[in-house]
N, C-alpha and C. Protein backbone atom coordinates (compact mmCIF):
# COMPACT_ATOMS: atom_id res chain seq x y z
N MET A 1 202.14 -75.31 109.58
CA MET A 1 201.87 -76.70 109.96
C MET A 1 201.88 -76.87 111.47
N SER A 2 202.85 -76.20 112.13
CA SER A 2 202.95 -76.31 113.58
C SER A 2 201.71 -75.75 114.27
N ASN A 3 201.13 -74.66 113.71
CA ASN A 3 199.91 -74.09 114.28
C ASN A 3 198.74 -75.05 114.17
N VAL A 4 198.67 -75.79 113.06
CA VAL A 4 197.60 -76.77 112.88
C VAL A 4 197.72 -77.88 113.90
N VAL A 5 198.95 -78.38 114.10
CA VAL A 5 199.19 -79.44 115.09
C VAL A 5 198.86 -78.95 116.49
N PHE A 6 199.30 -77.71 116.79
CA PHE A 6 199.05 -77.14 118.12
C PHE A 6 197.55 -76.99 118.37
N ASN A 7 196.81 -76.48 117.38
CA ASN A 7 195.36 -76.30 117.54
C ASN A 7 194.65 -77.64 117.68
N PHE A 8 195.09 -78.63 116.92
CA PHE A 8 194.49 -79.97 117.03
C PHE A 8 194.74 -80.56 118.42
N HIS A 9 195.95 -80.34 118.91
CA HIS A 9 196.30 -80.83 120.25
C HIS A 9 195.41 -80.19 121.31
N ASN A 10 195.24 -78.88 121.24
CA ASN A 10 194.38 -78.18 122.19
C ASN A 10 192.93 -78.64 122.10
N LEU A 11 192.46 -78.85 120.88
CA LEU A 11 191.10 -79.35 120.67
C LEU A 11 190.94 -80.73 121.29
N SER A 12 191.94 -81.59 121.12
CA SER A 12 191.89 -82.94 121.67
C SER A 12 191.81 -82.91 123.20
N ILE A 13 192.58 -82.00 123.80
CA ILE A 13 192.57 -81.88 125.26
C ILE A 13 191.20 -81.41 125.74
N ARG A 14 190.63 -80.43 125.05
CA ARG A 14 189.31 -79.92 125.45
C ARG A 14 188.24 -80.99 125.33
N VAL A 15 188.28 -81.77 124.25
CA VAL A 15 187.31 -82.84 124.06
C VAL A 15 187.48 -83.90 125.14
N TYR A 16 188.74 -84.26 125.42
CA TYR A 16 189.02 -85.25 126.47
C TYR A 16 188.47 -84.79 127.80
N LYS A 17 188.70 -83.52 128.15
CA LYS A 17 188.25 -83.00 129.43
C LYS A 17 186.72 -83.04 129.53
N ARG A 18 186.05 -82.67 128.44
CA ARG A 18 184.58 -82.65 128.46
C ARG A 18 184.03 -84.07 128.67
N ILE A 19 184.61 -85.03 127.95
CA ILE A 19 184.16 -86.42 128.09
C ILE A 19 184.46 -86.94 129.50
N TYR A 20 185.66 -86.64 129.98
CA TYR A 20 186.07 -87.09 131.32
C TYR A 20 185.17 -86.51 132.41
N LEU A 21 184.90 -85.21 132.33
CA LEU A 21 184.06 -84.57 133.34
C LEU A 21 182.63 -85.11 133.29
N TYR A 22 182.12 -85.36 132.10
CA TYR A 22 180.78 -85.94 131.98
C TYR A 22 180.73 -87.32 132.62
N PHE A 23 181.73 -88.14 132.34
CA PHE A 23 181.80 -89.48 132.92
C PHE A 23 181.87 -89.41 134.46
N CYS A 24 182.72 -88.51 134.97
CA CYS A 24 182.87 -88.37 136.42
C CYS A 24 181.57 -87.95 137.08
N ARG A 25 180.87 -87.04 136.44
CA ARG A 25 179.61 -86.58 137.02
C ARG A 25 178.59 -87.71 137.08
N LYS A 26 178.46 -88.46 136.01
CA LYS A 26 177.47 -89.53 135.97
C LYS A 26 177.78 -90.61 137.01
N VAL A 27 179.03 -90.98 137.14
CA VAL A 27 179.40 -91.98 138.14
C VAL A 27 179.15 -91.45 139.55
N THR A 28 179.50 -90.19 139.78
CA THR A 28 179.30 -89.60 141.11
C THR A 28 177.82 -89.46 141.42
N GLU A 29 177.01 -89.10 140.44
CA GLU A 29 175.56 -89.05 140.65
C GLU A 29 175.03 -90.41 141.09
N TYR A 30 175.53 -91.47 140.46
CA TYR A 30 175.11 -92.82 140.85
C TYR A 30 175.55 -93.13 142.28
N LEU A 31 176.79 -92.77 142.63
CA LEU A 31 177.27 -93.02 143.99
C LEU A 31 176.46 -92.22 145.02
N PHE A 32 176.12 -90.98 144.67
CA PHE A 32 175.28 -90.18 145.56
C PHE A 32 173.91 -90.82 145.74
N TYR A 33 173.35 -91.34 144.65
CA TYR A 33 172.04 -91.99 144.73
C TYR A 33 172.10 -93.23 145.62
N VAL A 34 173.11 -94.06 145.42
CA VAL A 34 173.26 -95.29 146.20
C VAL A 34 173.45 -94.98 147.69
N ASN A 35 174.19 -93.91 147.97
CA ASN A 35 174.49 -93.55 149.36
C ASN A 35 173.51 -92.52 149.94
N ARG A 36 172.42 -92.24 149.20
CA ARG A 36 171.36 -91.35 149.68
C ARG A 36 171.89 -89.95 150.04
N VAL A 37 172.80 -89.45 149.22
CA VAL A 37 173.33 -88.10 149.42
C VAL A 37 172.34 -87.09 148.86
N SER A 38 171.96 -86.13 149.68
CA SER A 38 171.06 -85.07 149.25
C SER A 38 171.88 -83.90 148.71
N TYR A 39 171.59 -83.45 147.49
CA TYR A 39 172.36 -82.34 146.92
C TYR A 39 171.46 -81.50 146.01
N LYS A 40 171.87 -80.22 145.86
CA LYS A 40 171.18 -79.31 144.94
C LYS A 40 171.91 -79.25 143.60
N SER A 41 173.22 -79.03 143.63
CA SER A 41 174.01 -79.08 142.40
C SER A 41 175.48 -79.25 142.78
N PHE A 42 176.22 -79.94 141.92
CA PHE A 42 177.64 -80.14 142.20
C PHE A 42 178.40 -80.30 140.88
N LYS A 43 179.72 -80.12 140.97
CA LYS A 43 180.64 -80.42 139.88
C LYS A 43 181.74 -81.27 140.46
N THR A 44 182.29 -82.16 139.63
CA THR A 44 183.38 -82.98 140.13
C THR A 44 184.39 -83.27 139.04
N CYS A 45 185.66 -83.13 139.37
CA CYS A 45 186.76 -83.52 138.50
C CYS A 45 187.37 -84.77 139.11
N GLY A 46 187.09 -85.92 138.53
CA GLY A 46 187.43 -87.17 139.16
C GLY A 46 186.27 -87.65 140.02
N ILE A 47 186.41 -88.83 140.58
CA ILE A 47 185.34 -89.45 141.34
C ILE A 47 185.75 -89.53 142.81
N PRO A 48 185.00 -88.90 143.73
CA PRO A 48 185.37 -88.95 145.15
C PRO A 48 185.16 -90.34 145.74
N LEU A 49 185.86 -90.61 146.82
CA LEU A 49 185.69 -91.86 147.57
C LEU A 49 184.66 -91.63 148.66
N LEU A 50 183.62 -92.45 148.69
CA LEU A 50 182.55 -92.31 149.67
C LEU A 50 182.50 -93.55 150.56
N GLU A 51 182.39 -93.30 151.84
CA GLU A 51 182.23 -94.38 152.82
C GLU A 51 181.13 -93.93 153.79
N ILE A 52 179.88 -94.23 153.43
CA ILE A 52 178.74 -93.69 154.14
C ILE A 52 177.95 -94.83 154.79
N ASN A 53 177.83 -94.77 156.11
CA ASN A 53 177.00 -95.74 156.81
C ASN A 53 175.55 -95.58 156.39
N HIS A 54 174.79 -96.67 156.38
CA HIS A 54 173.39 -96.58 155.92
C HIS A 54 172.55 -95.68 156.81
N ASN A 55 173.02 -95.41 158.04
CA ASN A 55 172.32 -94.47 158.91
C ASN A 55 173.01 -93.10 158.95
N GLY A 56 174.05 -92.93 158.15
CA GLY A 56 174.71 -91.63 158.05
C GLY A 56 173.99 -90.74 157.05
N LYS A 57 174.28 -89.44 157.10
CA LYS A 57 173.56 -88.51 156.24
C LYS A 57 174.51 -87.43 155.71
N ILE A 58 174.37 -87.12 154.40
CA ILE A 58 175.12 -86.03 153.78
C ILE A 58 174.15 -85.10 153.07
N GLU A 59 174.33 -83.80 153.30
CA GLU A 59 173.54 -82.78 152.61
C GLU A 59 174.48 -81.78 151.96
N LEU A 60 174.30 -81.56 150.65
CA LEU A 60 175.10 -80.61 149.90
C LEU A 60 174.21 -79.49 149.36
N GLY A 61 174.73 -78.27 149.39
CA GLY A 61 173.99 -77.14 148.83
C GLY A 61 174.21 -77.03 147.33
N GLU A 62 174.18 -75.80 146.83
CA GLU A 62 174.37 -75.56 145.40
C GLU A 62 175.84 -75.32 145.07
N ASN A 63 176.23 -75.78 143.90
CA ASN A 63 177.56 -75.51 143.36
C ASN A 63 178.67 -75.95 144.31
N VAL A 64 178.62 -77.19 144.74
CA VAL A 64 179.71 -77.80 145.50
C VAL A 64 180.66 -78.45 144.50
N ILE A 65 181.94 -78.14 144.62
CA ILE A 65 182.93 -78.60 143.64
C ILE A 65 183.94 -79.52 144.31
N PHE A 66 184.13 -80.70 143.72
CA PHE A 66 185.12 -81.66 144.22
C PHE A 66 186.24 -81.80 143.20
N ILE A 67 187.49 -81.66 143.66
CA ILE A 67 188.66 -81.89 142.83
C ILE A 67 189.32 -83.18 143.30
N ASN A 68 189.36 -84.18 142.42
CA ASN A 68 189.86 -85.50 142.80
C ASN A 68 190.95 -86.01 141.87
N ASN A 69 191.56 -85.12 141.10
CA ASN A 69 192.46 -85.54 140.05
C ASN A 69 193.60 -84.53 139.90
N ALA A 70 194.82 -85.02 139.76
CA ALA A 70 195.99 -84.13 139.66
C ALA A 70 195.90 -83.22 138.46
N LEU A 71 195.26 -83.66 137.38
CA LEU A 71 195.16 -82.85 136.17
C LEU A 71 194.40 -81.56 136.42
N PHE A 72 193.40 -81.62 137.30
CA PHE A 72 192.56 -80.45 137.56
C PHE A 72 192.92 -79.75 138.87
N SER A 73 193.86 -80.32 139.61
CA SER A 73 194.27 -79.74 140.88
C SER A 73 195.37 -78.71 140.66
N THR A 74 195.19 -77.53 141.19
CA THR A 74 196.19 -76.47 141.06
C THR A 74 197.53 -76.93 141.60
N LEU A 75 197.50 -77.70 142.70
CA LEU A 75 198.73 -78.17 143.34
C LEU A 75 199.20 -79.50 142.77
N GLY A 76 198.45 -80.06 141.81
CA GLY A 76 198.86 -81.30 141.19
C GLY A 76 198.75 -82.52 142.08
N ARG A 77 197.88 -82.48 143.08
CA ARG A 77 197.77 -83.60 144.00
C ARG A 77 196.94 -84.73 143.38
N PRO A 78 197.41 -85.97 143.50
CA PRO A 78 196.73 -87.08 142.85
C PRO A 78 195.61 -87.71 143.66
N ASN A 79 195.58 -87.44 144.99
CA ASN A 79 194.60 -88.15 145.82
C ASN A 79 193.19 -87.61 145.62
N LYS A 80 192.24 -88.49 145.78
CA LYS A 80 190.83 -88.12 145.65
C LYS A 80 190.31 -87.52 146.96
N CYS A 81 189.20 -86.81 146.87
CA CYS A 81 188.48 -86.45 148.08
C CYS A 81 187.91 -87.72 148.70
N LYS A 82 188.04 -87.85 150.00
CA LYS A 82 187.42 -88.96 150.70
C LYS A 82 186.43 -88.42 151.71
N ILE A 83 185.21 -88.93 151.64
CA ILE A 83 184.16 -88.52 152.57
C ILE A 83 183.67 -89.75 153.30
N SER A 84 183.80 -89.72 154.61
CA SER A 84 183.40 -90.84 155.45
C SER A 84 182.41 -90.34 156.50
N VAL A 85 181.26 -91.01 156.58
CA VAL A 85 180.22 -90.63 157.55
C VAL A 85 179.81 -91.89 158.31
N TYR A 86 179.97 -91.84 159.64
CA TYR A 86 179.69 -92.99 160.48
C TYR A 86 178.19 -93.12 160.75
N GLU A 87 177.85 -94.16 161.47
CA GLU A 87 176.46 -94.42 161.84
C GLU A 87 175.89 -93.26 162.65
N ASN A 88 174.71 -92.79 162.24
CA ASN A 88 173.99 -91.70 162.90
C ASN A 88 174.74 -90.36 162.85
N ALA A 89 175.76 -90.26 162.03
CA ALA A 89 176.51 -89.01 161.88
C ALA A 89 175.97 -88.22 160.69
N LYS A 90 176.39 -86.94 160.63
CA LYS A 90 175.88 -86.07 159.58
C LYS A 90 176.97 -85.13 159.09
N LEU A 91 177.02 -84.94 157.77
CA LEU A 91 177.90 -83.98 157.13
C LEU A 91 177.05 -83.02 156.33
N CYS A 92 177.12 -81.73 156.67
CA CYS A 92 176.34 -80.70 155.98
C CYS A 92 177.30 -79.72 155.32
N ILE A 93 177.19 -79.57 154.01
CA ILE A 93 178.03 -78.66 153.24
C ILE A 93 177.13 -77.65 152.54
N GLY A 94 177.45 -76.37 152.69
CA GLY A 94 176.63 -75.31 152.13
C GLY A 94 176.82 -75.14 150.64
N SER A 95 176.53 -73.93 150.15
CA SER A 95 176.62 -73.62 148.73
C SER A 95 177.93 -72.91 148.39
N ASN A 96 178.37 -73.08 147.14
CA ASN A 96 179.61 -72.46 146.65
C ASN A 96 180.80 -72.86 147.52
N VAL A 97 180.99 -74.17 147.61
CA VAL A 97 182.08 -74.73 148.41
C VAL A 97 183.00 -75.53 147.49
N GLY A 98 184.30 -75.23 147.53
CA GLY A 98 185.28 -75.97 146.75
C GLY A 98 186.13 -76.84 147.65
N ILE A 99 186.24 -78.13 147.30
CA ILE A 99 186.97 -79.09 148.13
C ILE A 99 188.00 -79.79 147.23
N SER A 100 189.29 -79.59 147.53
CA SER A 100 190.35 -80.15 146.69
C SER A 100 191.10 -81.25 147.42
N ASN A 101 191.01 -82.48 146.92
CA ASN A 101 191.83 -83.58 147.41
C ASN A 101 191.82 -83.67 148.93
N ALA A 102 190.68 -83.45 149.54
CA ALA A 102 190.57 -83.36 151.00
C ALA A 102 189.89 -84.60 151.58
N THR A 103 190.04 -84.75 152.90
CA THR A 103 189.40 -85.85 153.62
C THR A 103 188.48 -85.28 154.69
N LEU A 104 187.22 -85.69 154.67
CA LEU A 104 186.23 -85.26 155.66
C LEU A 104 185.68 -86.52 156.33
N VAL A 105 185.84 -86.61 157.65
CA VAL A 105 185.36 -87.79 158.37
C VAL A 105 184.45 -87.33 159.51
N ALA A 106 183.15 -87.63 159.36
CA ALA A 106 182.15 -87.25 160.36
C ALA A 106 181.72 -88.48 161.14
N THR A 107 182.02 -88.50 162.43
CA THR A 107 181.51 -89.56 163.31
C THR A 107 180.32 -89.07 164.13
N GLN A 108 180.12 -87.74 164.14
CA GLN A 108 178.98 -87.13 164.82
C GLN A 108 178.38 -86.03 163.95
N LEU A 109 179.13 -84.92 163.76
CA LEU A 109 178.62 -83.81 162.96
C LEU A 109 179.75 -82.93 162.46
N ILE A 110 179.75 -82.68 161.17
CA ILE A 110 180.59 -81.65 160.56
C ILE A 110 179.68 -80.75 159.73
N THR A 111 179.76 -79.45 159.99
CA THR A 111 178.96 -78.47 159.25
C THR A 111 179.89 -77.46 158.58
N ILE A 112 179.74 -77.28 157.29
CA ILE A 112 180.54 -76.33 156.51
C ILE A 112 179.59 -75.32 155.89
N GLY A 113 179.88 -74.05 156.07
CA GLY A 113 178.99 -73.00 155.61
C GLY A 113 179.07 -72.73 154.12
N ASN A 114 178.66 -71.53 153.73
CA ASN A 114 178.64 -71.13 152.32
C ASN A 114 179.93 -70.39 151.94
N ASN A 115 180.29 -70.48 150.66
CA ASN A 115 181.43 -69.75 150.11
C ASN A 115 182.72 -70.11 150.85
N VAL A 116 183.00 -71.41 150.91
CA VAL A 116 184.17 -71.92 151.63
C VAL A 116 185.12 -72.59 150.64
N MET A 117 186.42 -72.37 150.83
CA MET A 117 187.44 -73.02 150.00
C MET A 117 188.30 -73.91 150.89
N ILE A 118 188.36 -75.19 150.54
CA ILE A 118 189.11 -76.18 151.31
C ILE A 118 190.25 -76.67 150.43
N GLY A 119 191.48 -76.34 150.81
CA GLY A 119 192.64 -76.57 149.97
C GLY A 119 193.10 -78.02 149.90
N GLY A 120 194.08 -78.26 149.03
CA GLY A 120 194.59 -79.60 148.79
C GLY A 120 195.17 -80.25 150.03
N GLY A 121 194.76 -81.49 150.27
CA GLY A 121 195.30 -82.25 151.38
C GLY A 121 194.75 -81.90 152.74
N VAL A 122 193.71 -81.07 152.81
CA VAL A 122 193.09 -80.73 154.10
C VAL A 122 192.38 -81.95 154.68
N THR A 123 192.45 -82.09 156.00
CA THR A 123 191.73 -83.16 156.71
C THR A 123 190.88 -82.53 157.81
N ILE A 124 189.60 -82.88 157.81
CA ILE A 124 188.67 -82.38 158.83
C ILE A 124 188.04 -83.58 159.52
N VAL A 125 188.22 -83.69 160.83
CA VAL A 125 187.69 -84.83 161.58
C VAL A 125 187.01 -84.35 162.85
N ASP A 126 186.00 -85.08 163.29
CA ASP A 126 185.27 -84.69 164.51
C ASP A 126 185.45 -85.70 165.63
N SER A 127 186.50 -86.52 165.57
CA SER A 127 186.75 -87.49 166.63
C SER A 127 188.23 -87.84 166.66
N ASP A 128 188.62 -88.64 167.68
CA ASP A 128 189.98 -89.17 167.78
C ASP A 128 190.12 -90.52 167.08
N PHE A 129 188.99 -91.12 166.72
CA PHE A 129 188.92 -92.43 166.07
C PHE A 129 189.24 -93.60 167.01
N HIS A 130 189.86 -93.31 168.13
CA HIS A 130 190.17 -94.35 169.09
C HIS A 130 190.04 -93.78 170.50
N SER A 131 189.80 -94.64 171.47
CA SER A 131 189.88 -94.24 172.87
C SER A 131 191.32 -93.85 173.19
N ILE A 132 191.50 -92.89 174.09
CA ILE A 132 192.86 -92.53 174.50
C ILE A 132 193.37 -93.46 175.60
N ASP A 133 192.53 -94.35 176.08
CA ASP A 133 192.93 -95.36 177.06
C ASP A 133 193.41 -96.60 176.31
N PHE A 134 194.68 -96.91 176.45
CA PHE A 134 195.23 -98.03 175.67
C PHE A 134 194.61 -99.38 176.03
N HIS A 135 193.97 -99.46 177.19
CA HIS A 135 193.29 -100.71 177.57
C HIS A 135 192.12 -101.02 176.62
N HIS A 136 191.59 -99.98 175.97
CA HIS A 136 190.45 -100.17 175.07
C HIS A 136 190.85 -100.55 173.65
N TRP A 137 192.13 -100.35 173.31
CA TRP A 137 192.56 -100.61 171.95
C TRP A 137 192.39 -102.08 171.60
N PHE A 138 191.98 -102.33 170.37
CA PHE A 138 191.77 -103.68 169.85
C PHE A 138 190.65 -104.43 170.58
N THR A 139 189.74 -103.66 171.19
CA THR A 139 188.57 -104.25 171.82
C THR A 139 187.33 -103.51 171.33
N ASP A 140 186.15 -104.02 171.70
CA ASP A 140 184.90 -103.36 171.31
C ASP A 140 184.72 -102.01 171.99
N ASN A 141 185.49 -101.75 173.04
CA ASN A 141 185.36 -100.48 173.76
C ASN A 141 186.12 -99.34 173.09
N ASP A 142 186.92 -99.66 172.10
CA ASP A 142 187.74 -98.63 171.45
C ASP A 142 186.88 -97.53 170.85
N LEU A 143 185.95 -97.90 169.98
CA LEU A 143 185.05 -96.93 169.38
C LEU A 143 184.04 -96.37 170.38
N LEU A 144 183.67 -97.22 171.34
CA LEU A 144 182.67 -96.80 172.32
C LEU A 144 183.16 -95.62 173.15
N TYR A 145 184.44 -95.61 173.46
CA TYR A 145 184.99 -94.58 174.34
C TYR A 145 185.81 -93.51 173.60
N MET A 146 185.77 -93.52 172.28
CA MET A 146 186.49 -92.46 171.58
C MET A 146 185.73 -91.14 171.71
N ALA A 147 186.48 -90.05 171.83
CA ALA A 147 185.87 -88.73 172.00
C ALA A 147 185.36 -88.20 170.66
N ARG A 148 184.16 -87.61 170.67
CA ARG A 148 183.57 -87.02 169.48
C ARG A 148 183.02 -85.64 169.83
N LYS A 149 183.32 -84.65 169.02
CA LYS A 149 182.77 -83.31 169.19
C LYS A 149 182.56 -82.70 167.81
N PRO A 150 181.44 -82.01 167.59
CA PRO A 150 181.15 -81.45 166.26
C PRO A 150 182.17 -80.42 165.81
N VAL A 151 182.35 -80.35 164.50
CA VAL A 151 183.19 -79.33 163.87
C VAL A 151 182.27 -78.40 163.08
N ILE A 152 182.41 -77.11 163.34
CA ILE A 152 181.57 -76.11 162.67
C ILE A 152 182.47 -75.12 161.93
N ILE A 153 182.24 -74.97 160.63
CA ILE A 153 182.99 -74.02 159.82
C ILE A 153 182.00 -73.01 159.25
N GLY A 154 182.26 -71.74 159.49
CA GLY A 154 181.32 -70.69 159.10
C GLY A 154 181.38 -70.36 157.61
N ASP A 155 180.82 -69.21 157.25
CA ASP A 155 180.79 -68.76 155.86
C ASP A 155 182.07 -68.01 155.50
N ASN A 156 182.40 -68.02 154.21
CA ASN A 156 183.51 -67.22 153.67
C ASN A 156 184.84 -67.57 154.35
N VAL A 157 185.09 -68.86 154.50
CA VAL A 157 186.31 -69.34 155.16
C VAL A 157 187.25 -69.94 154.12
N PHE A 158 188.54 -69.65 154.26
CA PHE A 158 189.57 -70.27 153.42
C PHE A 158 190.45 -71.14 154.30
N ILE A 159 190.60 -72.41 153.93
CA ILE A 159 191.44 -73.33 154.69
C ILE A 159 192.59 -73.77 153.79
N GLY A 160 193.82 -73.39 154.16
CA GLY A 160 194.98 -73.65 153.33
C GLY A 160 195.36 -75.12 153.27
N MET A 161 196.16 -75.47 152.26
CA MET A 161 196.54 -76.84 151.99
C MET A 161 197.20 -77.51 153.20
N ASN A 162 196.98 -78.82 153.29
CA ASN A 162 197.61 -79.66 154.32
C ASN A 162 197.24 -79.28 155.75
N THR A 163 196.14 -78.58 155.92
CA THR A 163 195.67 -78.23 157.26
C THR A 163 194.90 -79.39 157.87
N LEU A 164 195.05 -79.57 159.18
CA LEU A 164 194.30 -80.57 159.93
C LEU A 164 193.40 -79.85 160.93
N ILE A 165 192.10 -80.07 160.82
CA ILE A 165 191.13 -79.49 161.74
C ILE A 165 190.58 -80.60 162.62
N LEU A 166 190.77 -80.45 163.93
CA LEU A 166 190.44 -81.51 164.87
C LEU A 166 189.07 -81.33 165.50
N LYS A 167 188.65 -82.33 166.22
CA LYS A 167 187.31 -82.40 166.81
C LYS A 167 187.03 -81.19 167.70
N GLY A 168 185.75 -80.78 167.72
CA GLY A 168 185.31 -79.73 168.62
C GLY A 168 185.65 -78.32 168.19
N VAL A 169 186.22 -78.14 167.02
CA VAL A 169 186.67 -76.82 166.57
C VAL A 169 185.54 -76.09 165.84
N THR A 170 185.41 -74.81 166.16
CA THR A 170 184.55 -73.92 165.39
C THR A 170 185.42 -72.86 164.73
N ILE A 171 185.30 -72.73 163.42
CA ILE A 171 186.02 -71.68 162.69
C ILE A 171 185.01 -70.63 162.27
N GLY A 172 185.19 -69.42 162.77
CA GLY A 172 184.23 -68.36 162.52
C GLY A 172 184.21 -67.91 161.07
N SER A 173 183.16 -67.20 160.72
CA SER A 173 182.99 -66.70 159.35
C SER A 173 184.07 -65.67 159.00
N ASN A 174 184.40 -65.62 157.71
CA ASN A 174 185.35 -64.65 157.17
C ASN A 174 186.76 -64.81 157.74
N SER A 175 187.11 -66.05 158.11
CA SER A 175 188.43 -66.32 158.66
C SER A 175 189.27 -67.14 157.69
N ILE A 176 190.59 -67.12 157.91
CA ILE A 176 191.55 -67.81 157.06
C ILE A 176 192.46 -68.68 157.93
N ILE A 177 192.68 -69.92 157.48
CA ILE A 177 193.62 -70.81 158.16
C ILE A 177 194.81 -71.01 157.23
N ALA A 178 196.00 -70.69 157.71
CA ALA A 178 197.20 -70.79 156.88
C ALA A 178 197.53 -72.24 156.56
N ALA A 179 198.22 -72.45 155.46
CA ALA A 179 198.60 -73.79 155.01
C ALA A 179 199.43 -74.51 156.07
N GLY A 180 199.19 -75.81 156.19
CA GLY A 180 199.97 -76.64 157.09
C GLY A 180 199.65 -76.49 158.56
N SER A 181 198.50 -75.91 158.87
CA SER A 181 198.14 -75.67 160.27
C SER A 181 197.48 -76.90 160.90
N VAL A 182 197.59 -76.97 162.23
CA VAL A 182 196.84 -77.95 163.01
C VAL A 182 195.94 -77.16 163.95
N VAL A 183 194.63 -77.21 163.69
CA VAL A 183 193.68 -76.37 164.42
C VAL A 183 193.00 -77.22 165.49
N ASN A 184 193.25 -76.90 166.75
CA ASN A 184 192.65 -77.65 167.86
C ASN A 184 191.88 -76.76 168.82
N SER A 185 191.68 -75.49 168.45
CA SER A 185 190.89 -74.58 169.28
C SER A 185 190.08 -73.66 168.37
N ASN A 186 189.08 -73.02 168.93
CA ASN A 186 188.15 -72.21 168.14
C ASN A 186 188.81 -70.97 167.55
N VAL A 187 188.40 -70.66 166.33
CA VAL A 187 188.90 -69.48 165.62
C VAL A 187 187.75 -68.49 165.48
N PRO A 188 187.86 -67.29 166.05
CA PRO A 188 186.76 -66.31 165.94
C PRO A 188 186.57 -65.80 164.52
N ASP A 189 185.48 -65.07 164.31
CA ASP A 189 185.22 -64.43 163.02
C ASP A 189 186.33 -63.44 162.67
N TYR A 190 186.56 -63.27 161.35
CA TYR A 190 187.46 -62.24 160.84
C TYR A 190 188.88 -62.33 161.42
N GLN A 191 189.41 -63.54 161.51
CA GLN A 191 190.79 -63.68 161.99
C GLN A 191 191.59 -64.62 161.08
N ILE A 192 192.91 -64.44 161.09
CA ILE A 192 193.83 -65.32 160.37
C ILE A 192 194.66 -66.08 161.40
N TRP A 193 194.63 -67.42 161.29
CA TRP A 193 195.38 -68.28 162.20
C TRP A 193 196.31 -69.17 161.41
N GLY A 194 197.40 -69.63 162.06
CA GLY A 194 198.29 -70.57 161.42
C GLY A 194 199.26 -71.18 162.40
N GLY A 195 199.89 -72.29 161.99
CA GLY A 195 200.90 -72.94 162.81
C GLY A 195 200.43 -74.25 163.40
N ASN A 196 201.30 -74.89 164.16
CA ASN A 196 201.01 -76.16 164.83
C ASN A 196 201.47 -76.07 166.28
N PRO A 197 200.51 -75.93 167.21
CA PRO A 197 199.08 -75.73 166.97
C PRO A 197 198.81 -74.33 166.43
N ALA A 198 197.68 -74.18 165.75
CA ALA A 198 197.35 -72.90 165.13
C ALA A 198 197.14 -71.81 166.18
N LYS A 199 197.71 -70.65 165.89
CA LYS A 199 197.60 -69.49 166.78
C LYS A 199 197.12 -68.28 165.98
N PHE A 200 196.62 -67.29 166.70
CA PHE A 200 196.19 -66.04 166.07
C PHE A 200 197.38 -65.35 165.41
N ILE A 201 197.19 -64.91 164.15
CA ILE A 201 198.23 -64.16 163.43
C ILE A 201 197.84 -62.69 163.36
N ARG A 202 196.66 -62.42 162.81
CA ARG A 202 196.18 -61.04 162.75
C ARG A 202 194.70 -61.06 162.39
N ASN A 203 194.07 -59.93 162.48
CA ASN A 203 192.68 -59.80 162.08
C ASN A 203 192.58 -59.79 160.56
N ASN A 204 191.49 -60.31 160.07
CA ASN A 204 191.22 -60.33 158.63
C ASN A 204 190.19 -59.27 158.31
N CYS A 205 190.63 -58.04 158.20
CA CYS A 205 189.72 -56.91 158.00
C CYS A 205 189.63 -56.60 156.51
N GLN A 206 188.78 -57.31 155.81
CA GLN A 206 188.64 -57.13 154.38
C GLN A 206 187.25 -56.65 154.03
């Protein structure tokens, strides 16, 4: 009897997941359509938060995966992916990219290559969001004078959970960023960096 109950329970979970994932995909497809997101193929667990200016642009390659739900998150994080693209800004994401409970904010340009894994709670931003001159705060000059520099992430990159990648950073291909890092300078190809601020740890010769 216990085996029957156990099997029924497992079947119920599988059916629930299939229905849930189908619902999430359809809603996300609608959001992508409304926000003029260009994509080849994607999967989503949960529904991402989108904040896209009508003059902003998002391009997704093939097999981009969004994790927005604690049930499907390895780390059990409940927050959704948030994608924000400002006026005249662009976010380009390549193929075979996994994004878990992360925040991407493009005020100018963020480019993510192919075969990239972005861990839970990662934040990638290409600006300071405010002028560093306090005289500009709470005025129209705040956004006008905020610094913006593109963020470029190469192919085959792993970015560990809770990492913050700041404006103007280029992360080279085949590199790894350790969990909890704050990256404010360029990372060459085939290297492992970590810490706050992130520093070179060793070469990634794989």
